[in-house]
């Protein structure tokens, strides 16, 4: 193995990925397995979990699947408990599961607001709170929060989603301030529209997606593997000095 490959290797590491049954989470699980990690795949979709398990095991890695609902307080706590009971420690936590309730602020329901905050903010906090102590004890850990450019830059009809991602960015920095001294890195990835089923549902119509692409210097949206590759960097030894960062991956949208 070349030296640079070792710096990006996850050999011997155990990673828990939420929202792993599809989209960005599915791709992160595959990329991490390629890099040598064993995967705890957490999601609601039983069929999707079986598919990601097949993909991970085809790469010669172990995969534990856990069905859990991130919208409840019990779901993230139980997922963390089952992962720790099965494998002892989790080295890498990827908080990827999210929902988007897109509507003008004056039309947004309280139920949609509360569910967005539960899935996008409370669940990542509960998972970090549950898994962080073992990372601190072993003096090695990575927490990667999948945020959004909307946590930094405002967009129409995204009041709940943008607020939740802004809060996730603040949580990222707060955990960095507390855990960096223990050699635990906490970072967030802030992508543009990624062409997942959720991304296509919101931005697929040309009248919606066209102006967004035109406002992006790269003139395109992102692919799941581009986020997964950034997550691999943040999960690997190569990023040991990167902490509390909001990694923009949005084709230059915030630069103009």
C-alpha atoms as a PDB file:
ATOM      1  CA  UNK A   1       0.000   0.000   0.000  1.00  0.00           C
ATOM      2  CA  UNK A   2       1.336   3.442  -0.939  1.00  0.00           C
ATOM      3  CA  UNK A   3       1.671   5.971   1.885  1.00  0.00           C
ATOM      4  CA  UNK A   4      -1.151   8.144   0.588  1.00  0.00           C
ATOM      5  CA  UNK A   5      -3.513   5.158   0.519  1.00  0.00           C
ATOM      6  CA  UNK A   6      -2.855   4.540   4.196  1.00  0.00           C
ATOM      7  CA  UNK A   7      -3.772   8.128   5.022  1.00  0.00           C
ATOM      8  CA  UNK A   8      -7.194   7.587   3.444  1.00  0.00           C
ATOM      9  CA  UNK A   9      -7.763   4.052   4.755  1.00  0.00           C
ATOM     10  CA  UNK A  10     -10.554   3.138   7.163  1.00  0.00           C
ATOM     11  CA  UNK A  11      -9.202  -0.368   7.770  1.00  0.00           C
ATOM     12  CA  UNK A  12     -10.278  -1.681  11.163  1.00  0.00           C
ATOM     13  CA  UNK A  13     -12.742   1.161  11.759  1.00  0.00           C
ATOM     14  CA  UNK A  14     -16.449   0.846  12.518  1.00  0.00           C
ATOM     15  CA  UNK A  15     -18.812   3.450  11.093  1.00  0.00           C
ATOM     16  CA  UNK A  16     -22.472   4.098  11.858  1.00  0.00           C
ATOM     17  CA  UNK A  17     -24.371   5.765   8.996  1.00  0.00           C
ATOM     18  CA  UNK A  18     -27.947   6.985   9.352  1.00  0.00           C
ATOM     19  CA  UNK A  19     -30.248   7.206   6.357  1.00  0.00           C
ATOM     20  CA  UNK A  20     -28.120   4.414   4.894  1.00  0.00           C
ATOM     21  CA  UNK A  21     -30.826   2.724   2.838  1.00  0.00           C
ATOM     22  CA  UNK A  22     -30.677   5.158  -0.096  1.00  0.00           C
ATOM     23  CA  UNK A  23     -29.109   8.252  -1.575  1.00  0.00           C
ATOM     24  CA  UNK A  24     -26.108   9.851   0.094  1.00  0.00           C
ATOM     25  CA  UNK A  25     -26.122   7.473   3.067  1.00  0.00           C
ATOM     26  CA  UNK A  26     -26.129   4.410   0.819  1.00  0.00           C
ATOM     27  CA  UNK A  27     -23.188   5.776  -1.176  1.00  0.00           C
ATOM     28  CA  UNK A  28     -21.247   6.670   1.985  1.00  0.00           C
ATOM     29  CA  UNK A  29     -21.702   3.121   3.285  1.00  0.00           C
ATOM     30  CA  UNK A  30     -20.340   1.704   0.008  1.00  0.00           C
ATOM     31  CA  UNK A  31     -17.383   4.083  -0.166  1.00  0.00           C
ATOM     32  CA  UNK A  32     -16.477   3.508   3.494  1.00  0.00           C
ATOM     33  CA  UNK A  33     -16.653  -0.253   2.988  1.00  0.00           C
ATOM     34  CA  UNK A  34     -14.359   0.078  -0.041  1.00  0.00           C
ATOM     35  CA  UNK A  35     -11.933   1.932   2.244  1.00  0.00           C
ATOM     36  CA  UNK A  36     -11.996  -0.927   4.776  1.00  0.00           C
ATOM     37  CA  UNK A  37     -14.646   0.044   7.332  1.00  0.00           C
ATOM     38  CA  UNK A  38     -17.325  -2.161   8.839  1.00  0.00           C
ATOM     39  CA  UNK A  39     -20.739  -0.490   8.658  1.00  0.00           C
ATOM     40  CA  UNK A  40     -23.705  -0.106  10.979  1.00  0.00           C
ATOM     41  CA  UNK A  41     -26.476   0.896   8.564  1.00  0.00           C
ATOM     42  CA  UNK A  42     -29.428   2.657  10.196  1.00  0.00           C
ATOM     43  CA  UNK A  43     -32.671   3.527   8.392  1.00  0.00           C
ATOM     44  CA  UNK A  44     -36.425   2.943   8.334  1.00  0.00           C
ATOM     45  CA  UNK A  45     -36.497   1.045   5.034  1.00  0.00           C
ATOM     46  CA  UNK A  46     -35.984  -2.683   5.667  1.00  0.00           C
ATOM     47  CA  UNK A  47     -35.577  -3.534   1.971  1.00  0.00           C
ATOM     48  CA  UNK A  48     -33.060  -0.742   1.468  1.00  0.00           C
ATOM     49  CA  UNK A  49     -31.104  -1.914   4.491  1.00  0.00           C
ATOM     50  CA  UNK A  50     -30.869  -5.412   3.044  1.00  0.00           C
ATOM     51  CA  UNK A  51     -29.512  -3.932  -0.188  1.00  0.00           C
ATOM     52  CA  UNK A  52     -26.834  -1.883   1.559  1.00  0.00           C
ATOM     53  CA  UNK A  53     -25.908  -4.950   3.619  1.00  0.00           C
ATOM     54  CA  UNK A  54     -25.365  -6.883   0.377  1.00  0.00           C
ATOM     55  CA  UNK A  55     -23.223  -4.085  -1.034  1.00  0.00           C
ATOM     56  CA  UNK A  56     -21.056  -3.818   2.083  1.00  0.00           C
ATOM     57  CA  UNK A  57     -20.588  -7.557   2.500  1.00  0.00           C
ATOM     58  CA  UNK A  58     -19.723  -7.913  -1.192  1.00  0.00           C
ATOM     59  CA  UNK A  59     -16.747  -5.684  -0.383  1.00  0.00           C
ATOM     60  CA  UNK A  60     -15.629  -8.075   2.329  1.00  0.00           C
ATOM     61  CA  UNK A  61     -16.762  -5.978   5.279  1.00  0.00           C
ATOM     62  CA  UNK A  62     -19.254  -6.616   8.067  1.00  0.00           C
ATOM     63  CA  UNK A  63     -22.626  -4.856   8.063  1.00  0.00           C
ATOM     64  CA  UNK A  64     -25.041  -4.593  10.973  1.00  0.00           C
ATOM     65  CA  UNK A  65     -28.464  -3.247   9.997  1.00  0.00           C
ATOM     66  CA  UNK A  66     -30.722  -1.468  12.462  1.00  0.00           C
ATOM     67  CA  UNK A  67     -34.246  -0.305  11.674  1.00  0.00           C
ATOM     68  CA  UNK A  68     -34.921   2.903  13.573  1.00  0.00           C
ATOM     69  CA  UNK A  69     -37.062   6.007  13.265  1.00  0.00           C
ATOM     70  CA  UNK A  70     -35.026   9.203  13.633  1.00  0.00           C
ATOM     71  CA  UNK A  71     -38.143  11.330  14.191  1.00  0.00           C
ATOM     72  CA  UNK A  72     -38.593   9.817  17.653  1.00  0.00           C
ATOM     73  CA  UNK A  73     -36.367  10.379  20.663  1.00  0.00           C
ATOM     74  CA  UNK A  74     -36.199   6.626  21.231  1.00  0.00           C
ATOM     75  CA  UNK A  75     -35.013   5.707  17.722  1.00  0.00           C
ATOM     76  CA  UNK A  76     -31.527   7.275  17.749  1.00  0.00           C
ATOM     77  CA  UNK A  77     -30.881   6.198  21.341  1.00  0.00           C
ATOM     78  CA  UNK A  78     -31.845   2.595  20.604  1.00  0.00           C
ATOM     79  CA  UNK A  79     -29.773   2.519  17.411  1.00  0.00           C
ATOM     80  CA  UNK A  80     -26.705   3.704  19.303  1.00  0.00           C
ATOM     81  CA  UNK A  81     -27.304   1.226  22.111  1.00  0.00           C
ATOM     82  CA  UNK A  82     -27.667  -1.723  19.730  1.00  0.00           C
ATOM     83  CA  UNK A  83     -24.537  -0.721  17.829  1.00  0.00           C
ATOM     84  CA  UNK A  84     -22.481  -0.433  21.010  1.00  0.00           C
ATOM     85  CA  UNK A  85     -23.828  -3.719  22.369  1.00  0.00           C
ATOM     86  CA  UNK A  86     -22.920  -5.486  19.132  1.00  0.00           C
ATOM     87  CA  UNK A  87     -19.527  -3.933  18.388  1.00  0.00           C
ATOM     88  CA  UNK A  88     -18.307  -2.252  21.578  1.00  0.00           C
ATOM     89  CA  UNK A  89     -17.368   1.085  20.048  1.00  0.00           C
ATOM     90  CA  UNK A  90     -18.202   3.119  16.971  1.00  0.00           C
ATOM     91  CA  UNK A  91     -15.248   5.035  15.528  1.00  0.00           C
ATOM     92  CA  UNK A  92     -17.093   7.088  12.921  1.00  0.00           C
ATOM     93  CA  UNK A  93     -20.609   8.556  13.123  1.00  0.00           C
ATOM     94  CA  UNK A  94     -22.233   9.905   9.963  1.00  0.00           C
ATOM     95  CA  UNK A  95     -25.430  11.809  10.709  1.00  0.00           C
ATOM     96  CA  UNK A  96     -26.980  11.705   7.256  1.00  0.00           C
ATOM     97  CA  UNK A  97     -30.706  11.019   7.789  1.00  0.00           C
ATOM     98  CA  UNK A  98     -32.799  14.114   7.059  1.00  0.00           C
ATOM     99  CA  UNK A  99     -36.161  15.280   5.856  1.00  0.00           C
ATOM    100  CA  UNK A 100     -37.159  18.376   3.894  1.00  0.00           C
ATOM    101  CA  UNK A 101     -40.561  20.007   4.258  1.00  0.00           C
ATOM    102  CA  UNK A 102     -40.553  22.674   1.560  1.00  0.00           C
ATOM    103  CA  UNK A 103     -43.172  25.413   1.844  1.00  0.00           C
ATOM    104  CA  UNK A 104     -43.448  29.185   2.225  1.00  0.00           C
ATOM    105  CA  UNK A 105     -42.864  30.163   5.837  1.00  0.00           C
ATOM    106  CA  UNK A 106     -46.422  31.424   6.302  1.00  0.00           C
ATOM    107  CA  UNK A 107     -47.817  28.053   5.182  1.00  0.00           C
ATOM    108  CA  UNK A 108     -45.472  25.743   7.097  1.00  0.00           C
ATOM    109  CA  UNK A 109     -47.301  23.611   9.659  1.00  0.00           C
ATOM    110  CA  UNK A 110     -46.144  23.209  13.222  1.00  0.00           C
ATOM    111  CA  UNK A 111     -46.069  19.435  12.715  1.00  0.00           C
ATOM    112  CA  UNK A 112     -43.696  19.798   9.756  1.00  0.00           C
ATOM    113  CA  UNK A 113     -41.489  22.205  11.732  1.00  0.00           C
ATOM    114  CA  UNK A 114     -41.289  19.882  14.734  1.00  0.00           C
ATOM    115  CA  UNK A 115     -40.593  16.765  12.658  1.00  0.00           C
ATOM    116  CA  UNK A 116     -37.842  18.561  10.728  1.00  0.00           C
ATOM    117  CA  UNK A 117     -36.123  19.613  13.947  1.00  0.00           C
ATOM    118  CA  UNK A 118     -36.487  16.127  15.419  1.00  0.00           C
ATOM    119  CA  UNK A 119     -34.906  14.317  12.471  1.00  0.00           C
ATOM    120  CA  UNK A 120     -32.359  16.897  11.347  1.00  0.00           C
ATOM    121  CA  UNK A 121     -31.124  18.233  14.707  1.00  0.00           C
ATOM    122  CA  UNK A 122     -32.270  16.197  17.699  1.00  0.00           C
ATOM    123  CA  UNK A 123     -31.351  12.797  16.235  1.00  0.00           C
ATOM    124  CA  UNK A 124     -27.759  13.827  15.376  1.00  0.00           C
ATOM    125  CA  UNK A 125     -27.350  15.244  18.877  1.00  0.00           C
ATOM    126  CA  UNK A 126     -28.675  12.106  20.551  1.00  0.00           C
ATOM    127  CA  UNK A 127     -26.441   9.851  18.471  1.00  0.00           C
ATOM    128  CA  UNK A 128     -23.371  11.984  19.142  1.00  0.00           C
ATOM    129  CA  UNK A 129     -24.223  12.097  22.832  1.00  0.00           C
ATOM    130  CA  UNK A 130     -24.547   8.310  22.968  1.00  0.00           C
ATOM    131  CA  UNK A 131     -21.498   7.416  20.865  1.00  0.00           C
ATOM    132  CA  UNK A 132     -19.174  10.259  21.813  1.00  0.00           C
ATOM    133  CA  UNK A 133     -18.043   8.948  25.238  1.00  0.00           C
ATOM    134  CA  UNK A 134     -16.444   5.833  23.728  1.00  0.00           C
ATOM    135  CA  UNK A 135     -14.672   7.959  21.094  1.00  0.00           C
ATOM    136  CA  UNK A 136     -13.372  10.231  23.852  1.00  0.00           C
ATOM    137  CA  UNK A 137     -12.247   7.258  25.937  1.00  0.00           C
ATOM    138  CA  UNK A 138     -10.243   5.753  23.055  1.00  0.00           C
ATOM    139  CA  UNK A 139      -8.972   9.202  21.991  1.00  0.00           C
ATOM    140  CA  UNK A 140     -10.021   8.681  18.380  1.00  0.00           C
ATOM    141  CA  UNK A 141     -13.280   9.484  16.688  1.00  0.00           C
ATOM    142  CA  UNK A 142     -14.944  11.181  13.747  1.00  0.00           C
ATOM    143  CA  UNK A 143     -18.394  12.758  13.640  1.00  0.00           C
ATOM    144  CA  UNK A 144     -19.551  13.847  10.188  1.00  0.00           C
ATOM    145  CA  UNK A 145     -22.811  15.762   9.929  1.00  0.00           C
ATOM    146  CA  UNK A 146     -24.418  15.943   6.493  1.00  0.00           C
ATOM    147  CA  UNK A 147     -25.736  19.482   6.482  1.00  0.00           C
ATOM    148  CA  UNK A 148     -26.645  21.682   3.499  1.00  0.00           C
ATOM    149  CA  UNK A 149     -25.719  24.902   1.786  1.00  0.00           C
ATOM    150  CA  UNK A 150     -29.103  26.118   3.028  1.00  0.00           C
ATOM    151  CA  UNK A 151     -27.658  26.087   6.533  1.00  0.00           C
ATOM    152  CA  UNK A 152     -25.392  28.902   5.356  1.00  0.00           C
ATOM    153  CA  UNK A 153     -27.263  30.547   2.470  1.00  0.00           C
ATOM    154  CA  UNK A 154     -30.992  31.296   2.497  1.00  0.00           C
ATOM    155  CA  UNK A 155     -33.348  29.880  -0.120  1.00  0.00           C
ATOM    156  CA  UNK A 156     -37.060  30.476  -0.642  1.00  0.00           C
ATOM    157  CA  UNK A 157     -39.489  28.006   0.962  1.00  0.00           C
ATOM    158  CA  UNK A 158     -36.795  26.397   3.149  1.00  0.00           C
ATOM    159  CA  UNK A 159     -37.502  27.977   6.548  1.00  0.00           C
ATOM    160  CA  UNK A 160     -37.673  24.729   8.528  1.00  0.00           C
ATOM    161  CA  UNK A 161     -35.005  22.877   6.567  1.00  0.00           C
ATOM    162  CA  UNK A 162     -32.543  25.786   6.550  1.00  0.00           C
ATOM    163  CA  UNK A 163     -33.067  26.442  10.251  1.00  0.00           C
ATOM    164  CA  UNK A 164     -32.440  22.792  11.071  1.00  0.00           C
ATOM    165  CA  UNK A 165     -29.236  22.724   9.025  1.00  0.00           C
ATOM    166  CA  UNK A 166     -28.056  25.986  10.571  1.00  0.00           C
ATOM    167  CA  UNK A 167     -28.604  24.400  13.966  1.00  0.00           C
ATOM    168  CA  UNK A 168     -26.712  21.291  12.857  1.00  0.00           C
ATOM    169  CA  UNK A 169     -23.800  23.516  11.835  1.00  0.00           C
ATOM    170  CA  UNK A 170     -23.838  25.146  15.276  1.00  0.00           C
ATOM    171  CA  UNK A 171     -23.915  21.713  16.916  1.00  0.00           C
ATOM    172  CA  UNK A 172     -20.907  20.739  14.804  1.00  0.00           C
ATOM    173  CA  UNK A 173     -18.891  23.669  16.123  1.00  0.00           C
ATOM    174  CA  UNK A 174     -20.047  23.160  19.712  1.00  0.00           C
ATOM    175  CA  UNK A 175     -19.005  19.500  19.734  1.00  0.00           C
ATOM    176  CA  UNK A 176     -15.693  20.447  18.141  1.00  0.00           C
ATOM    177  CA  UNK A 177     -15.035  22.921  20.960  1.00  0.00           C
ATOM    178  CA  UNK A 178     -15.648  20.213  23.569  1.00  0.00           C
ATOM    179  CA  UNK A 179     -14.157  17.144  21.891  1.00  0.00           C
ATOM    180  CA  UNK A 180     -11.162  18.340  19.840  1.00  0.00           C
ATOM    181  CA  UNK A 181      -8.879  18.033  22.904  1.00  0.00           C
ATOM    182  CA  UNK A 182      -9.767  14.309  22.959  1.00  0.00           C
ATOM    183  CA  UNK A 183      -8.719  13.778  19.318  1.00  0.00           C
ATOM    184  CA  UNK A 184     -12.310  13.602  18.111  1.00  0.00           C
ATOM    185  CA  UNK A 185     -12.996  15.569  14.944  1.00  0.00           C
ATOM    186  CA  UNK A 186     -16.501  16.910  14.291  1.00  0.00           C
ATOM    187  CA  UNK A 187     -17.198  18.401  10.865  1.00  0.00           C
ATOM    188  CA  UNK A 188     -20.138  19.115   8.575  1.00  0.00           C
ATOM    189  CA  UNK A 189     -20.564  18.760   4.830  1.00  0.00           C
ATOM    190  CA  UNK A 190     -22.799  21.386   3.236  1.00  0.00           C
ATOM    191  CA  UNK A 191     -23.810  20.214  -0.262  1.00  0.00           C
ATOM    192  CA  UNK A 192     -25.824  21.859  -2.955  1.00  0.00           C
ATOM    193  CA  UNK A 193     -28.724  19.914  -4.416  1.00  0.00           C
ATOM    194  CA  UNK A 194     -27.663  16.286  -4.698  1.00  0.00           C
ATOM    195  CA  UNK A 195     -29.514  14.128  -7.198  1.00  0.00           C
ATOM    196  CA  UNK A 196     -31.054  11.738  -4.693  1.00  0.00           C
ATOM    197  CA  UNK A 197     -34.770  10.878  -4.776  1.00  0.00           C
ATOM    198  CA  UNK A 198     -35.397  13.743  -2.315  1.00  0.00           C
ATOM    199  CA  UNK A 199     -33.294  16.155  -4.361  1.00  0.00           C
ATOM    200  CA  UNK A 200     -35.035  15.203  -7.584  1.00  0.00           C
ATOM    201  CA  UNK A 201     -38.474  15.543  -5.984  1.00  0.00           C
ATOM    202  CA  UNK A 202     -37.799  19.123  -4.900  1.00  0.00           C
ATOM    203  CA  UNK A 203     -35.543  20.383  -7.699  1.00  0.00           C
ATOM    204  CA  UNK A 204     -36.425  18.126 -10.639  1.00  0.00           C
ATOM    205  CA  UNK A 205     -38.976  20.411 -12.333  1.00  0.00           C
ATOM    206  CA  UNK A 206     -37.137  22.739 -14.708  1.00  0.00           C
ATOM    207  CA  UNK A 207     -38.950  25.812 -13.413  1.00  0.00           C
ATOM    208  CA  UNK A 208     -37.476  25.047  -9.976  1.00  0.00           C
ATOM    209  CA  UNK A 209     -34.091  23.534 -10.798  1.00  0.00           C
ATOM    210  CA  UNK A 210     -33.192  25.632 -13.826  1.00  0.00           C
ATOM    211  CA  UNK A 211     -32.704  28.957 -12.005  1.00  0.00           C
ATOM    212  CA  UNK A 212     -30.752  27.194  -9.233  1.00  0.00           C
ATOM    213  CA  UNK A 213     -28.339  25.627 -11.714  1.00  0.00           C
ATOM    214  CA  UNK A 214     -27.986  28.945 -13.525  1.00  0.00           C
ATOM    215  CA  UNK A 215     -27.020  30.642 -10.243  1.00  0.00           C
ATOM    216  CA  UNK A 216     -24.323  28.015  -9.609  1.00  0.00           C
ATOM    217  CA  UNK A 217     -20.980  28.720 -11.332  1.00  0.00           C
ATOM    218  CA  UNK A 218     -20.522  24.991 -12.051  1.00  0.00           C
ATOM    219  CA  UNK A 219     -23.970  25.002 -13.727  1.00  0.00           C
ATOM    220  CA  UNK A 220     -24.894  21.620 -12.300  1.00  0.00           C
ATOM    221  CA  UNK A 221     -26.095  19.788  -9.205  1.00  0.00           C
ATOM    222  CA  UNK A 222     -24.102  17.163  -7.322  1.00  0.00           C
ATOM    223  CA  UNK A 223     -23.855  13.388  -7.330  1.00  0.00           C
ATOM    224  CA  UNK A 224     -23.974  11.206  -4.235  1.00  0.00           C
ATOM    225  CA  UNK A 225     -20.425   9.919  -4.724  1.00  0.00           C
ATOM    226  CA  UNK A 226     -19.068  13.467  -4.515  1.00  0.00           C
ATOM    227  CA  UNK A 227     -20.465  13.822  -1.003  1.00  0.00           C
ATOM    228  CA  UNK A 228     -19.316  10.309  -0.093  1.00  0.00           C
ATOM    229  CA  UNK A 229     -15.761  11.093  -1.191  1.00  0.00           C
ATOM    230  CA  UNK A 230     -15.730  14.210   0.996  1.00  0.00           C
ATOM    231  CA  UNK A 231     -17.035  12.110   3.881  1.00  0.00           C
ATOM    232  CA  UNK A 232     -14.233   9.601   3.291  1.00  0.00           C
ATOM    233  CA  UNK A 233     -11.653  12.364   3.618  1.00  0.00           C
ATOM    234  CA  UNK A 234     -13.226  13.579   6.865  1.00  0.00           C
ATOM    235  CA  UNK A 235     -13.427  10.018   8.223  1.00  0.00           C
ATOM    236  CA  UNK A 236      -9.805   9.209   7.381  1.00  0.00           C
ATOM    237  CA  UNK A 237      -6.535   9.994   9.177  1.00  0.00           C
ATOM    238  CA  UNK A 238      -5.773  12.497   6.400  1.00  0.00           C
ATOM    239  CA  UNK A 239      -8.166  15.040   7.961  1.00  0.00           C
ATOM    240  CA  UNK A 240      -6.794  14.873  11.505  1.00  0.00           C
ATOM    241  CA  UNK A 241      -6.386  18.653  11.810  1.00  0.00           C
ATOM    242  CA  UNK A 242      -9.759  19.498  10.227  1.00  0.00           C
ATOM    243  CA  UNK A 243     -12.238  20.222  13.008  1.00  0.00           C
ATOM    244  CA  UNK A 244     -15.387  22.295  13.305  1.00  0.00           C
ATOM    245  CA  UNK A 245     -15.362  22.905   9.552  1.00  0.00           C
ATOM    246  CA  UNK A 246     -18.372  23.486   7.328  1.00  0.00           C
ATOM    247  CA  UNK A 247     -17.201  21.925   4.073  1.00  0.00           C
ATOM    248  CA  UNK A 248     -19.065  23.602   1.226  1.00  0.00           C
ATOM    249  CA  UNK A 249     -19.553  21.332  -1.787  1.00  0.00           C
ATOM    250  CA  UNK A 250     -21.866  23.394  -3.957  1.00  0.00           C
ATOM    251  CA  UNK A 251     -20.234  24.262  -7.257  1.00  0.00           C
ATOM    252  CA  UNK A 252     -19.298  27.775  -6.188  1.00  0.00           C
ATOM    253  CA  UNK A 253     -22.846  28.946  -5.347  1.00  0.00           C
ATOM    254  CA  UNK A 254     -21.722  30.799  -2.213  1.00  0.00           C
ATOM    255  CA  UNK A 255     -18.836  32.495  -4.015  1.00  0.00           C
ATOM    256  CA  UNK A 256     -20.901  34.767  -6.252  1.00  0.00           C
END
